[in-house]
Amino acid sequence: MAADLFVVPTVTFRLLFALVILAHDRRQIVHVAVTEHPTAAWTAQQLRNAFPENEAPRYLLHDRDSVFAHVATTLEGMNIQEARTAPRSPWQNAYAERVIGSIRRECLDHVIVVNTKGLHGVLTNYLAYYLRSRTHLALGKDTPVTRPVSPLSAGRIVATTEVGGLHHRYDRIAA
């Protein structure tokens, strides 16, 4: 798993912080959280929310952001070994940086964020699109949550709008 924070400006030029936790195997976003003031306690709680009970990963890769500095006891309690990147080395957490770039280009560059609740709603909608509809070349043009390929005889193609109309999902339906 990998975790990273990124900053989103609002319409009033306030800064909101979003935490993304990503599973490496299928590029699956496991958890997204938004706050105005990220603290170590908030980050530790988000880690507990992302990995309930015995579903914690073996390793968590993150950068040297100050909010991760004091979560070592939480990670130890969850039996997670932390792997920290070198200073000023975003390429060492490439998958998390790539998904944040995708979120920015495909979603946040096209919407105006008003507040924390609005950003959380937009990210939740994008997360649903990302997991079920957005294909990845590294996954053989499949989505993080595998979906079956429809045969040509399955019917006509219907477009479904997602993320408030920013994206579409195309499925075949029986006539």
N, C-alpha and C. Protein backbone atom coordinates (compact mmCIF):
# COMPACT_ATOMS: atom_id res chain seq x y z
N MET A 1 0.84 -1.18 0.00
CA MET A 1 0.00 0.00 0.00
C MET A 1 0.89 1.24 0.00
N ALA A 2 0.33 2.32 -0.50
CA ALA A 2 1.02 3.60 -0.52
C ALA A 2 0.05 4.68 -0.06
N ALA A 3 0.56 5.69 0.62
CA ALA A 3 -0.27 6.80 1.09
C ALA A 3 0.41 8.12 0.73
N ASP A 4 -0.40 9.11 0.41
CA ASP A 4 0.13 10.43 0.12
C ASP A 4 -0.95 11.48 0.32
N LEU A 5 -0.53 12.69 0.64
CA LEU A 5 -1.41 13.84 0.80
C LEU A 5 -1.23 14.78 -0.38
N PHE A 6 -2.32 15.45 -0.76
CA PHE A 6 -2.20 16.51 -1.75
C PHE A 6 -3.13 17.65 -1.37
N VAL A 7 -2.82 18.83 -1.91
CA VAL A 7 -3.51 20.06 -1.55
C VAL A 7 -4.47 20.46 -2.67
N VAL A 8 -5.67 20.92 -2.27
CA VAL A 8 -6.67 21.38 -3.22
C VAL A 8 -7.14 22.77 -2.77
N PRO A 9 -6.98 23.79 -3.63
CA PRO A 9 -7.47 25.12 -3.27
C PRO A 9 -8.97 25.22 -3.48
N THR A 10 -9.64 26.01 -2.63
CA THR A 10 -11.08 26.21 -2.76
C THR A 10 -11.35 27.49 -3.53
N VAL A 11 -12.62 27.78 -3.75
CA VAL A 11 -13.01 28.99 -4.46
C VAL A 11 -12.62 30.24 -3.68
N THR A 12 -12.52 30.12 -2.36
CA THR A 12 -12.11 31.26 -1.52
C THR A 12 -10.62 31.23 -1.21
N PHE A 13 -9.85 30.42 -1.93
CA PHE A 13 -8.41 30.30 -1.80
C PHE A 13 -7.94 29.70 -0.48
N ARG A 14 -8.84 29.02 0.22
CA ARG A 14 -8.42 28.22 1.37
C ARG A 14 -7.83 26.92 0.82
N LEU A 15 -7.00 26.27 1.60
CA LEU A 15 -6.40 25.01 1.17
C LEU A 15 -7.01 23.85 1.93
N LEU A 16 -7.42 22.83 1.19
CA LEU A 16 -7.91 21.59 1.77
C LEU A 16 -6.88 20.51 1.48
N PHE A 17 -6.78 19.55 2.37
CA PHE A 17 -5.82 18.47 2.23
C PHE A 17 -6.57 17.16 2.05
N ALA A 18 -6.15 16.38 1.08
CA ALA A 18 -6.77 15.08 0.81
C ALA A 18 -5.73 13.99 0.98
N LEU A 19 -6.10 12.94 1.66
CA LEU A 19 -5.24 11.77 1.86
C LEU A 19 -5.75 10.65 0.97
N VAL A 20 -4.84 10.04 0.23
CA VAL A 20 -5.18 8.91 -0.64
C VAL A 20 -4.35 7.72 -0.22
N ILE A 21 -5.00 6.57 -0.05
CA ILE A 21 -4.30 5.33 0.25
C ILE A 21 -4.59 4.38 -0.91
N LEU A 22 -3.52 3.84 -1.51
CA LEU A 22 -3.62 3.08 -2.74
C LEU A 22 -2.99 1.70 -2.57
N ALA A 23 -3.69 0.67 -3.07
CA ALA A 23 -3.13 -0.68 -3.11
C ALA A 23 -2.36 -0.82 -4.42
N HIS A 24 -1.13 -1.31 -4.35
CA HIS A 24 -0.29 -1.40 -5.54
C HIS A 24 -0.73 -2.48 -6.52
N ASP A 25 -1.24 -3.59 -6.04
CA ASP A 25 -1.46 -4.74 -6.92
C ASP A 25 -2.41 -4.45 -8.09
N ARG A 26 -3.54 -3.81 -7.85
CA ARG A 26 -4.48 -3.50 -8.93
C ARG A 26 -4.77 -2.01 -9.02
N ARG A 27 -3.87 -1.18 -8.49
CA ARG A 27 -4.02 0.28 -8.54
C ARG A 27 -5.34 0.71 -7.91
N GLN A 28 -5.76 -0.01 -6.89
CA GLN A 28 -7.06 0.23 -6.27
C GLN A 28 -6.94 1.27 -5.15
N ILE A 29 -7.75 2.33 -5.24
CA ILE A 29 -7.77 3.33 -4.17
C ILE A 29 -8.59 2.75 -3.02
N VAL A 30 -7.95 2.60 -1.88
CA VAL A 30 -8.58 1.97 -0.72
C VAL A 30 -9.32 2.98 0.14
N HIS A 31 -8.77 4.20 0.25
CA HIS A 31 -9.35 5.17 1.17
C HIS A 31 -9.03 6.59 0.71
N VAL A 32 -10.00 7.48 0.85
CA VAL A 32 -9.81 8.90 0.58
C VAL A 32 -10.43 9.67 1.73
N ALA A 33 -9.70 10.68 2.23
CA ALA A 33 -10.22 11.51 3.32
C ALA A 33 -9.80 12.96 3.07
N VAL A 34 -10.61 13.90 3.57
CA VAL A 34 -10.38 15.32 3.34
C VAL A 34 -10.44 16.05 4.68
N THR A 35 -9.54 17.03 4.86
CA THR A 35 -9.55 17.85 6.06
C THR A 35 -8.97 19.23 5.76
N GLU A 36 -9.29 20.18 6.62
CA GLU A 36 -8.70 21.51 6.50
C GLU A 36 -7.37 21.59 7.23
N HIS A 37 -7.21 20.78 8.28
CA HIS A 37 -6.01 20.84 9.10
C HIS A 37 -5.51 19.42 9.37
N PRO A 38 -4.61 18.90 8.53
CA PRO A 38 -4.12 17.54 8.77
C PRO A 38 -3.17 17.51 9.96
N THR A 39 -3.43 16.60 10.85
CA THR A 39 -2.56 16.39 12.00
C THR A 39 -2.16 14.93 12.04
N ALA A 40 -1.21 14.62 12.90
CA ALA A 40 -0.80 13.23 13.05
C ALA A 40 -1.94 12.39 13.61
N ALA A 41 -2.71 12.94 14.53
CA ALA A 41 -3.84 12.20 15.11
C ALA A 41 -4.90 11.92 14.03
N TRP A 42 -5.18 12.89 13.18
CA TRP A 42 -6.15 12.70 12.09
C TRP A 42 -5.65 11.63 11.12
N THR A 43 -4.36 11.70 10.78
CA THR A 43 -3.79 10.71 9.86
C THR A 43 -3.84 9.31 10.45
N ALA A 44 -3.51 9.19 11.73
CA ALA A 44 -3.57 7.89 12.40
C ALA A 44 -4.99 7.34 12.38
N GLN A 45 -5.98 8.20 12.61
CA GLN A 45 -7.38 7.76 12.58
C GLN A 45 -7.78 7.32 11.17
N GLN A 46 -7.30 8.02 10.16
CA GLN A 46 -7.62 7.64 8.79
C GLN A 46 -7.01 6.28 8.43
N LEU A 47 -5.83 6.00 8.95
CA LEU A 47 -5.22 4.69 8.74
C LEU A 47 -6.04 3.60 9.41
N ARG A 48 -6.54 3.88 10.62
CA ARG A 48 -7.39 2.90 11.30
C ARG A 48 -8.70 2.70 10.54
N ASN A 49 -9.25 3.78 9.96
CA ASN A 49 -10.48 3.67 9.18
C ASN A 49 -10.26 2.91 7.88
N ALA A 50 -9.10 3.08 7.28
CA ALA A 50 -8.82 2.43 5.99
C ALA A 50 -8.59 0.93 6.14
N PHE A 51 -8.06 0.52 7.28
CA PHE A 51 -7.72 -0.89 7.49
C PHE A 51 -8.40 -1.42 8.74
N PRO A 52 -9.69 -1.71 8.68
CA PRO A 52 -10.38 -2.22 9.86
C PRO A 52 -9.94 -3.64 10.21
N GLU A 53 -9.95 -3.92 11.49
CA GLU A 53 -9.66 -5.23 12.06
C GLU A 53 -8.36 -5.82 11.52
N ASN A 54 -8.41 -6.97 10.88
CA ASN A 54 -7.19 -7.65 10.45
C ASN A 54 -6.92 -7.52 8.95
N GLU A 55 -7.33 -6.41 8.35
CA GLU A 55 -7.15 -6.23 6.92
C GLU A 55 -5.98 -5.32 6.59
N ALA A 56 -5.11 -5.10 7.54
CA ALA A 56 -3.98 -4.18 7.34
C ALA A 56 -2.95 -4.80 6.41
N PRO A 57 -2.30 -3.96 5.59
CA PRO A 57 -1.26 -4.47 4.71
C PRO A 57 0.02 -4.74 5.49
N ARG A 58 0.95 -5.38 4.85
CA ARG A 58 2.22 -5.65 5.51
C ARG A 58 3.12 -4.41 5.53
N TYR A 59 3.08 -3.64 4.43
CA TYR A 59 3.91 -2.45 4.31
C TYR A 59 3.06 -1.25 3.91
N LEU A 60 3.46 -0.06 4.35
CA LEU A 60 2.84 1.19 3.92
C LEU A 60 3.95 2.15 3.51
N LEU A 61 3.94 2.50 2.23
CA LEU A 61 4.92 3.43 1.68
C LEU A 61 4.36 4.84 1.76
N HIS A 62 5.15 5.77 2.29
CA HIS A 62 4.72 7.17 2.37
C HIS A 62 5.94 8.07 2.32
N ASP A 63 5.69 9.35 2.07
CA ASP A 63 6.78 10.31 2.01
C ASP A 63 7.10 10.83 3.41
N ARG A 64 7.93 11.84 3.46
CA ARG A 64 8.38 12.38 4.75
C ARG A 64 7.54 13.56 5.21
N ASP A 65 6.28 13.58 4.84
CA ASP A 65 5.38 14.65 5.28
C ASP A 65 5.26 14.60 6.80
N SER A 66 5.13 15.77 7.41
CA SER A 66 5.12 15.85 8.87
C SER A 66 3.93 15.13 9.50
N VAL A 67 2.82 14.97 8.78
CA VAL A 67 1.68 14.27 9.38
C VAL A 67 1.95 12.77 9.53
N PHE A 68 2.92 12.24 8.80
CA PHE A 68 3.27 10.83 8.95
C PHE A 68 4.34 10.61 10.00
N ALA A 69 4.92 11.69 10.52
CA ALA A 69 6.03 11.56 11.46
C ALA A 69 5.64 10.90 12.77
N HIS A 70 4.41 11.10 13.22
CA HIS A 70 4.01 10.61 14.54
C HIS A 70 2.97 9.50 14.48
N VAL A 71 2.90 8.79 13.37
CA VAL A 71 1.94 7.68 13.27
C VAL A 71 2.64 6.33 13.42
N ALA A 72 3.91 6.33 13.78
CA ALA A 72 4.67 5.08 13.89
C ALA A 72 4.05 4.13 14.92
N THR A 73 3.56 4.66 16.05
CA THR A 73 2.97 3.78 17.07
C THR A 73 1.67 3.16 16.56
N THR A 74 0.89 3.93 15.78
CA THR A 74 -0.33 3.38 15.20
C THR A 74 0.00 2.27 14.22
N LEU A 75 1.01 2.50 13.37
CA LEU A 75 1.40 1.48 12.40
C LEU A 75 1.93 0.23 13.09
N GLU A 76 2.71 0.40 14.15
CA GLU A 76 3.21 -0.75 14.90
C GLU A 76 2.07 -1.54 15.52
N GLY A 77 1.08 -0.84 16.06
CA GLY A 77 -0.08 -1.51 16.66
C GLY A 77 -0.90 -2.28 15.64
N MET A 78 -0.83 -1.85 14.39
CA MET A 78 -1.57 -2.54 13.32
C MET A 78 -0.68 -3.55 12.59
N ASN A 79 0.55 -3.76 13.08
CA ASN A 79 1.52 -4.67 12.46
C ASN A 79 1.85 -4.29 11.02
N ILE A 80 1.98 -2.99 10.78
CA ILE A 80 2.34 -2.49 9.46
C ILE A 80 3.76 -1.93 9.55
N GLN A 81 4.61 -2.36 8.63
CA GLN A 81 5.96 -1.81 8.56
C GLN A 81 5.92 -0.60 7.64
N GLU A 82 6.43 0.52 8.11
CA GLU A 82 6.42 1.71 7.27
C GLU A 82 7.69 1.78 6.44
N ALA A 83 7.52 2.24 5.21
CA ALA A 83 8.64 2.47 4.31
C ALA A 83 8.56 3.93 3.90
N ARG A 84 9.57 4.70 4.25
CA ARG A 84 9.57 6.13 3.95
C ARG A 84 10.46 6.39 2.74
N THR A 85 10.02 7.29 1.89
CA THR A 85 10.82 7.64 0.72
C THR A 85 11.95 8.57 1.14
N ALA A 86 12.94 8.69 0.29
CA ALA A 86 14.04 9.61 0.54
C ALA A 86 13.53 11.04 0.42
N PRO A 87 14.20 12.00 1.03
CA PRO A 87 13.75 13.39 0.91
C PRO A 87 13.74 13.87 -0.54
N ARG A 88 12.67 14.60 -0.88
CA ARG A 88 12.50 15.19 -2.21
C ARG A 88 12.61 14.15 -3.32
N SER A 89 11.97 13.00 -3.13
CA SER A 89 12.02 11.91 -4.10
C SER A 89 10.63 11.38 -4.40
N PRO A 90 9.78 12.16 -5.07
CA PRO A 90 8.42 11.69 -5.32
C PRO A 90 8.36 10.46 -6.22
N TRP A 91 9.38 10.22 -7.03
CA TRP A 91 9.37 9.06 -7.92
C TRP A 91 9.45 7.75 -7.13
N GLN A 92 9.83 7.80 -5.87
CA GLN A 92 9.88 6.58 -5.07
C GLN A 92 8.50 6.13 -4.61
N ASN A 93 7.52 7.00 -4.72
CA ASN A 93 6.13 6.66 -4.43
C ASN A 93 5.32 6.91 -5.70
N ALA A 94 5.79 6.33 -6.78
CA ALA A 94 5.29 6.65 -8.12
C ALA A 94 3.81 6.35 -8.31
N TYR A 95 3.31 5.23 -7.77
CA TYR A 95 1.90 4.88 -7.99
C TYR A 95 0.97 5.88 -7.32
N ALA A 96 1.29 6.28 -6.10
CA ALA A 96 0.46 7.27 -5.40
C ALA A 96 0.53 8.62 -6.10
N GLU A 97 1.72 9.02 -6.54
CA GLU A 97 1.85 10.29 -7.26
C GLU A 97 1.08 10.25 -8.57
N ARG A 98 1.09 9.11 -9.24
CA ARG A 98 0.38 8.97 -10.51
C ARG A 98 -1.13 9.07 -10.31
N VAL A 99 -1.65 8.43 -9.27
CA VAL A 99 -3.10 8.49 -9.04
C VAL A 99 -3.52 9.90 -8.64
N ILE A 100 -2.69 10.60 -7.90
CA ILE A 100 -3.00 11.99 -7.55
C ILE A 100 -3.01 12.85 -8.80
N GLY A 101 -2.07 12.62 -9.70
CA GLY A 101 -2.06 13.33 -10.97
C GLY A 101 -3.31 13.05 -11.79
N SER A 102 -3.76 11.80 -11.79
CA SER A 102 -4.99 11.43 -12.50
C SER A 102 -6.20 12.12 -11.88
N ILE A 103 -6.26 12.18 -10.56
CA ILE A 103 -7.37 12.85 -9.89
C ILE A 103 -7.39 14.32 -10.27
N ARG A 104 -6.22 14.94 -10.29
CA ARG A 104 -6.16 16.36 -10.66
C ARG A 104 -6.58 16.57 -12.10
N ARG A 105 -5.97 15.84 -13.05
CA ARG A 105 -6.24 16.06 -14.48
C ARG A 105 -7.66 15.68 -14.88
N GLU A 106 -8.15 14.56 -14.38
CA GLU A 106 -9.43 14.03 -14.83
C GLU A 106 -10.62 14.54 -14.03
N CYS A 107 -10.38 15.17 -12.89
CA CYS A 107 -11.50 15.58 -12.05
C CYS A 107 -11.35 17.00 -11.52
N LEU A 108 -10.35 17.24 -10.69
CA LEU A 108 -10.27 18.51 -9.97
C LEU A 108 -9.96 19.71 -10.86
N ASP A 109 -9.34 19.50 -12.02
CA ASP A 109 -9.10 20.60 -12.95
C ASP A 109 -10.38 21.09 -13.61
N HIS A 110 -11.47 20.35 -13.44
CA HIS A 110 -12.73 20.66 -14.12
C HIS A 110 -13.86 21.05 -13.17
N VAL A 111 -13.58 21.11 -11.88
CA VAL A 111 -14.62 21.48 -10.91
C VAL A 111 -14.11 22.60 -10.01
N ILE A 112 -15.03 23.31 -9.41
CA ILE A 112 -14.69 24.35 -8.44
C ILE A 112 -15.07 23.81 -7.06
N VAL A 113 -14.09 23.73 -6.20
CA VAL A 113 -14.30 23.20 -4.86
C VAL A 113 -14.69 24.35 -3.94
N VAL A 114 -15.78 24.15 -3.18
CA VAL A 114 -16.26 25.19 -2.28
C VAL A 114 -15.82 24.93 -0.84
N ASN A 115 -15.98 23.67 -0.40
CA ASN A 115 -15.65 23.36 0.99
C ASN A 115 -15.26 21.90 1.13
N THR A 116 -14.99 21.48 2.37
CA THR A 116 -14.56 20.11 2.64
C THR A 116 -15.59 19.09 2.21
N LYS A 117 -16.85 19.36 2.52
CA LYS A 117 -17.92 18.42 2.16
C LYS A 117 -18.03 18.27 0.63
N GLY A 118 -17.90 19.37 -0.08
CA GLY A 118 -17.97 19.32 -1.53
C GLY A 118 -16.82 18.55 -2.14
N LEU A 119 -15.60 18.77 -1.63
CA LEU A 119 -14.44 18.04 -2.12
C LEU A 119 -14.56 16.56 -1.83
N HIS A 120 -15.04 16.22 -0.64
CA HIS A 120 -15.21 14.81 -0.29
C HIS A 120 -16.22 14.15 -1.23
N GLY A 121 -17.31 14.86 -1.55
CA GLY A 121 -18.31 14.31 -2.47
C GLY A 121 -17.75 14.10 -3.86
N VAL A 122 -16.99 15.06 -4.36
CA VAL A 122 -16.38 14.93 -5.70
C VAL A 122 -15.39 13.77 -5.72
N LEU A 123 -14.56 13.67 -4.68
CA LEU A 123 -13.59 12.57 -4.63
C LEU A 123 -14.26 11.22 -4.49
N THR A 124 -15.36 11.14 -3.75
CA THR A 124 -16.10 9.88 -3.63
C THR A 124 -16.69 9.46 -4.97
N ASN A 125 -17.26 10.42 -5.71
CA ASN A 125 -17.79 10.10 -7.04
C ASN A 125 -16.67 9.68 -7.99
N TYR A 126 -15.54 10.37 -7.95
CA TYR A 126 -14.42 10.00 -8.81
C TYR A 126 -13.88 8.63 -8.42
N LEU A 127 -13.84 8.34 -7.13
CA LEU A 127 -13.36 7.04 -6.66
C LEU A 127 -14.22 5.92 -7.23
N ALA A 128 -15.53 6.08 -7.21
CA ALA A 128 -16.42 5.06 -7.78
C ALA A 128 -16.15 4.88 -9.28
N TYR A 129 -15.97 6.00 -9.99
CA TYR A 129 -15.64 5.92 -11.42
C TYR A 129 -14.29 5.24 -11.63
N TYR A 130 -13.30 5.63 -10.86
CA TYR A 130 -11.94 5.11 -10.99
C TYR A 130 -11.90 3.59 -10.78
N LEU A 131 -12.61 3.11 -9.78
CA LEU A 131 -12.57 1.68 -9.46
C LEU A 131 -13.36 0.83 -10.44
N ARG A 132 -14.50 1.32 -10.93
CA ARG A 132 -15.39 0.49 -11.75
C ARG A 132 -15.29 0.73 -13.25
N SER A 133 -14.82 1.93 -13.67
CA SER A 133 -14.92 2.28 -15.08
C SER A 133 -13.60 2.69 -15.74
N ARG A 134 -12.66 3.22 -15.01
CA ARG A 134 -11.43 3.73 -15.63
C ARG A 134 -10.46 2.59 -15.89
N THR A 135 -10.12 2.40 -17.15
CA THR A 135 -9.22 1.31 -17.53
C THR A 135 -7.76 1.74 -17.37
N HIS A 136 -6.88 0.75 -17.21
CA HIS A 136 -5.46 0.98 -17.03
C HIS A 136 -4.70 0.07 -17.99
N LEU A 137 -3.73 0.60 -18.68
CA LEU A 137 -2.91 -0.22 -19.56
C LEU A 137 -2.14 -1.27 -18.77
N ALA A 138 -1.65 -0.93 -17.58
CA ALA A 138 -0.88 -1.87 -16.76
C ALA A 138 -1.73 -3.05 -16.30
N LEU A 139 -3.05 -2.91 -16.32
CA LEU A 139 -3.95 -3.99 -15.93
C LEU A 139 -4.55 -4.68 -17.15
N GLY A 140 -3.93 -4.50 -18.31
CA GLY A 140 -4.44 -5.13 -19.53
C GLY A 140 -5.75 -4.50 -19.97
N LYS A 141 -5.86 -3.19 -19.85
CA LYS A 141 -7.07 -2.43 -20.18
C LYS A 141 -8.27 -2.86 -19.36
N ASP A 142 -8.02 -3.27 -18.13
CA ASP A 142 -9.08 -3.62 -17.19
C ASP A 142 -9.15 -2.53 -16.13
N THR A 143 -10.20 -2.57 -15.33
CA THR A 143 -10.37 -1.62 -14.24
C THR A 143 -9.82 -2.22 -12.94
N PRO A 144 -9.56 -1.40 -11.91
CA PRO A 144 -9.08 -1.97 -10.65
C PRO A 144 -10.03 -3.02 -10.06
N VAL A 145 -11.34 -2.80 -10.18
CA VAL A 145 -12.31 -3.83 -9.81
C VAL A 145 -12.70 -4.51 -11.12
N THR A 146 -12.27 -5.75 -11.30
CA THR A 146 -12.43 -6.44 -12.57
C THR A 146 -13.88 -6.47 -13.02
N ARG A 147 -14.08 -6.25 -14.31
CA ARG A 147 -15.41 -6.31 -14.89
C ARG A 147 -15.38 -7.23 -16.10
N PRO A 148 -16.48 -7.92 -16.37
CA PRO A 148 -16.48 -8.85 -17.51
C PRO A 148 -16.56 -8.09 -18.84
N VAL A 149 -16.02 -8.70 -19.88
CA VAL A 149 -16.10 -8.15 -21.23
C VAL A 149 -17.40 -8.63 -21.85
N SER A 150 -18.18 -7.70 -22.38
CA SER A 150 -19.47 -8.04 -22.98
C SER A 150 -19.27 -8.44 -24.44
N PRO A 151 -19.87 -9.54 -24.86
CA PRO A 151 -19.77 -9.93 -26.27
C PRO A 151 -20.61 -9.00 -27.15
N LEU A 152 -20.31 -8.97 -28.43
CA LEU A 152 -21.05 -8.12 -29.36
C LEU A 152 -22.54 -8.43 -29.39
N SER A 153 -22.89 -9.68 -29.13
CA SER A 153 -24.30 -10.08 -29.17
C SER A 153 -25.08 -9.68 -27.92
N ALA A 154 -24.43 -9.03 -26.96
CA ALA A 154 -25.09 -8.68 -25.69
C ALA A 154 -26.10 -7.55 -25.84
N GLY A 155 -26.07 -6.82 -26.94
CA GLY A 155 -27.05 -5.76 -27.13
C GLY A 155 -26.40 -4.45 -27.53
N ARG A 156 -27.20 -3.40 -27.46
CA ARG A 156 -26.69 -2.09 -27.87
C ARG A 156 -25.91 -1.44 -26.74
N ILE A 157 -25.10 -0.44 -27.11
CA ILE A 157 -24.24 0.26 -26.16
C ILE A 157 -25.00 1.45 -25.58
N VAL A 158 -24.92 1.58 -24.25
CA VAL A 158 -25.57 2.68 -23.55
C VAL A 158 -24.51 3.41 -22.73
N ALA A 159 -24.52 4.73 -22.79
CA ALA A 159 -23.58 5.55 -22.02
C ALA A 159 -24.22 5.96 -20.71
N THR A 160 -23.47 5.83 -19.64
CA THR A 160 -23.90 6.25 -18.31
C THR A 160 -22.96 7.34 -17.84
N THR A 161 -23.51 8.49 -17.44
CA THR A 161 -22.65 9.57 -16.97
C THR A 161 -22.16 9.29 -15.56
N GLU A 162 -20.92 9.68 -15.31
CA GLU A 162 -20.33 9.52 -14.00
C GLU A 162 -19.58 10.78 -13.63
N VAL A 163 -19.34 10.98 -12.36
CA VAL A 163 -18.64 12.15 -11.80
C VAL A 163 -19.31 13.43 -12.30
N GLY A 164 -20.61 13.48 -12.19
CA GLY A 164 -21.35 14.68 -12.57
C GLY A 164 -21.29 15.00 -14.05
N GLY A 165 -21.07 14.02 -14.90
CA GLY A 165 -21.01 14.24 -16.33
C GLY A 165 -19.62 14.43 -16.89
N LEU A 166 -18.59 14.44 -16.04
CA LEU A 166 -17.22 14.58 -16.53
C LEU A 166 -16.76 13.36 -17.31
N HIS A 167 -17.25 12.20 -16.92
CA HIS A 167 -16.84 10.95 -17.55
C HIS A 167 -18.07 10.12 -17.88
N HIS A 168 -17.87 9.12 -18.71
CA HIS A 168 -18.94 8.21 -19.09
C HIS A 168 -18.46 6.78 -19.00
N ARG A 169 -19.41 5.89 -18.72
CA ARG A 169 -19.16 4.47 -18.74
C ARG A 169 -20.05 3.88 -19.81
N TYR A 170 -19.49 3.03 -20.65
CA TYR A 170 -20.23 2.45 -21.76
C TYR A 170 -20.43 0.96 -21.50
N ASP A 171 -21.68 0.54 -21.51
CA ASP A 171 -22.04 -0.86 -21.28
C ASP A 171 -23.00 -1.32 -22.36
N ARG A 172 -23.00 -2.61 -22.58
CA ARG A 172 -23.99 -3.20 -23.48
C ARG A 172 -25.18 -3.69 -22.65
N ILE A 173 -26.38 -3.42 -23.16
CA ILE A 173 -27.58 -3.91 -22.48
C ILE A 173 -28.39 -4.72 -23.45
N ALA A 174 -29.12 -5.67 -22.93
CA ALA A 174 -29.96 -6.53 -23.78
C ALA A 174 -31.10 -5.72 -24.36
N ALA A 175 -31.42 -6.01 -25.59
CA ALA A 175 -32.48 -5.26 -26.29
C ALA A 175 -33.85 -5.64 -25.82
